[in-house]
Amino acid sequence: MDPETKRLLEESLVIAKENNEMLKKVVRNQKWAAIYRIGYWTVIILFSFGAYYFVKPLMGNMLNIYSGGVSNMGNISDISKGLGDSKQMDELIKLLNQR
């Protein structure tokens, strides 16, 4: 083997080793990126379920209040009938305005 060919072969070996090291680093970084991505989405999904778990009772209460308020609208006319005539209402309004 002549010296020129031997030198080129040794350079090729050095370059191949450097490329191998870089490829190993790339593969390692891709694995860690995949692990972080899985962890990221896991945290987002768990927080979403947790928020749903804590918000669901509040939304249920609000819906009950809203549906109860709508169904009890007939009671307002009963209350206004029980208040009496307009003179009493005028006196009540004057009393409230004085405060």
Protein backbone atom coordinates (compact mmCIF):
# COMPACT_ATOMS: atom_id res chain seq x y z
CA MET A 1 0.00 0.00 0.00
CA ASP A 2 1.50 3.31 -0.98
CA PRO A 3 1.74 6.14 1.61
CA GLU A 4 -0.87 8.35 -0.11
CA THR A 5 -3.54 5.63 0.00
CA LYS A 6 -2.68 4.82 3.61
CA ARG A 7 -3.01 8.49 4.61
CA LEU A 8 -6.38 8.78 2.85
CA LEU A 9 -7.57 5.59 4.55
CA GLU A 10 -6.55 6.92 7.98
CA GLU A 11 -8.30 10.25 7.30
CA SER A 12 -11.42 8.36 6.26
CA LEU A 13 -11.26 6.36 9.50
CA VAL A 14 -10.97 9.53 11.59
CA ILE A 15 -13.88 11.15 9.75
CA ALA A 16 -15.97 8.00 10.13
CA LYS A 17 -15.32 7.94 13.91
CA GLU A 18 -16.30 11.62 14.22
CA ASN A 19 -19.46 11.00 12.21
CA ASN A 20 -20.31 8.01 14.39
CA GLU A 21 -19.96 10.12 17.56
CA MET A 22 -22.15 12.86 16.10
CA LEU A 23 -24.81 10.35 15.01
CA LYS A 24 -24.87 8.82 18.50
CA LYS A 25 -25.41 12.30 19.96
CA VAL A 26 -28.21 12.98 17.48
CA VAL A 27 -29.95 9.71 18.35
CA ARG A 28 -29.55 10.39 22.09
CA ASN A 29 -31.02 13.89 21.69
CA GLN A 30 -33.96 12.50 19.72
CA LYS A 31 -34.69 9.98 22.47
CA TRP A 32 -34.63 12.69 25.14
CA ALA A 33 -36.82 14.94 23.00
CA ALA A 34 -39.36 12.14 22.67
CA ILE A 35 -39.31 11.54 26.43
CA TYR A 36 -39.80 15.25 27.14
CA ARG A 37 -42.62 15.43 24.58
CA ILE A 38 -44.41 12.48 26.20
CA GLY A 39 -43.97 14.06 29.64
CA TYR A 40 -45.21 17.41 28.38
CA TRP A 41 -48.41 16.00 26.94
CA THR A 42 -48.94 13.78 29.97
CA VAL A 43 -48.79 16.82 32.25
CA ILE A 44 -51.18 18.77 30.02
CA ILE A 45 -53.68 15.90 29.92
CA LEU A 46 -53.48 15.34 33.68
CA PHE A 47 -53.98 19.04 34.38
CA SER A 48 -56.97 19.04 32.02
CA PHE A 49 -58.59 16.13 33.85
CA GLY A 50 -57.78 17.74 37.19
CA ALA A 51 -59.32 21.03 36.12
CA TYR A 52 -62.40 19.18 34.87
CA TYR A 53 -62.62 17.33 38.20
CA PHE A 54 -62.57 20.59 40.17
CA VAL A 55 -64.67 22.69 37.78
CA LYS A 56 -67.44 20.12 37.19
CA PRO A 57 -69.11 20.63 40.61
CA LEU A 58 -69.00 24.40 40.17
CA MET A 59 -70.56 24.18 36.73
CA GLY A 60 -73.20 21.79 38.09
CA ASN A 61 -74.07 24.28 40.83
CA MET A 62 -74.28 27.12 38.32
CA LEU A 63 -76.53 25.07 36.06
CA ASN A 64 -78.76 24.17 39.00
CA ILE A 65 -79.00 27.82 40.01
CA TYR A 66 -79.79 28.86 36.44
CA SER A 67 -82.36 26.13 35.85
CA GLY A 68 -83.88 26.74 39.29
CA GLY A 69 -84.07 30.46 38.60
CA VAL A 70 -85.80 29.93 35.27
CA SER A 71 -88.31 27.47 36.69
CA ASN A 72 -89.17 29.80 39.59
CA MET A 73 -90.01 32.79 37.40
CA GLY A 74 -93.71 32.16 38.03
CA ASN A 75 -93.15 32.93 41.70
CA ILE A 76 -92.32 36.56 40.93
CA SER A 77 -95.88 37.27 39.89
CA ASP A 78 -97.07 35.66 43.14
CA ILE A 79 -94.74 37.93 45.11
CA SER A 80 -95.95 41.04 43.31
CA LYS A 81 -99.58 40.09 44.08
CA GLY A 82 -98.76 39.77 47.75
CA LEU A 83 -97.18 43.22 47.98
CA GLY A 84 -100.45 45.06 47.93
CA ASP A 85 -101.47 48.26 46.17
CA SER A 86 -99.23 50.89 44.58
CA LYS A 87 -99.39 53.24 47.60
CA GLN A 88 -97.46 50.75 49.68
CA MET A 89 -94.91 50.36 46.88
CA ASP A 90 -94.50 54.15 46.61
CA GLU A 91 -93.90 54.39 50.35
CA LEU A 92 -91.35 51.60 50.19
CA ILE A 93 -89.51 53.29 47.31
CA LYS A 94 -89.47 56.64 49.15
CA LEU A 95 -88.13 54.90 52.24
CA LEU A 96 -85.36 53.25 50.25
CA ASN A 97 -84.43 56.50 48.49
CA GLN A 98 -84.05 58.32 51.82
CA ARG A 99 -81.25 55.99 52.85
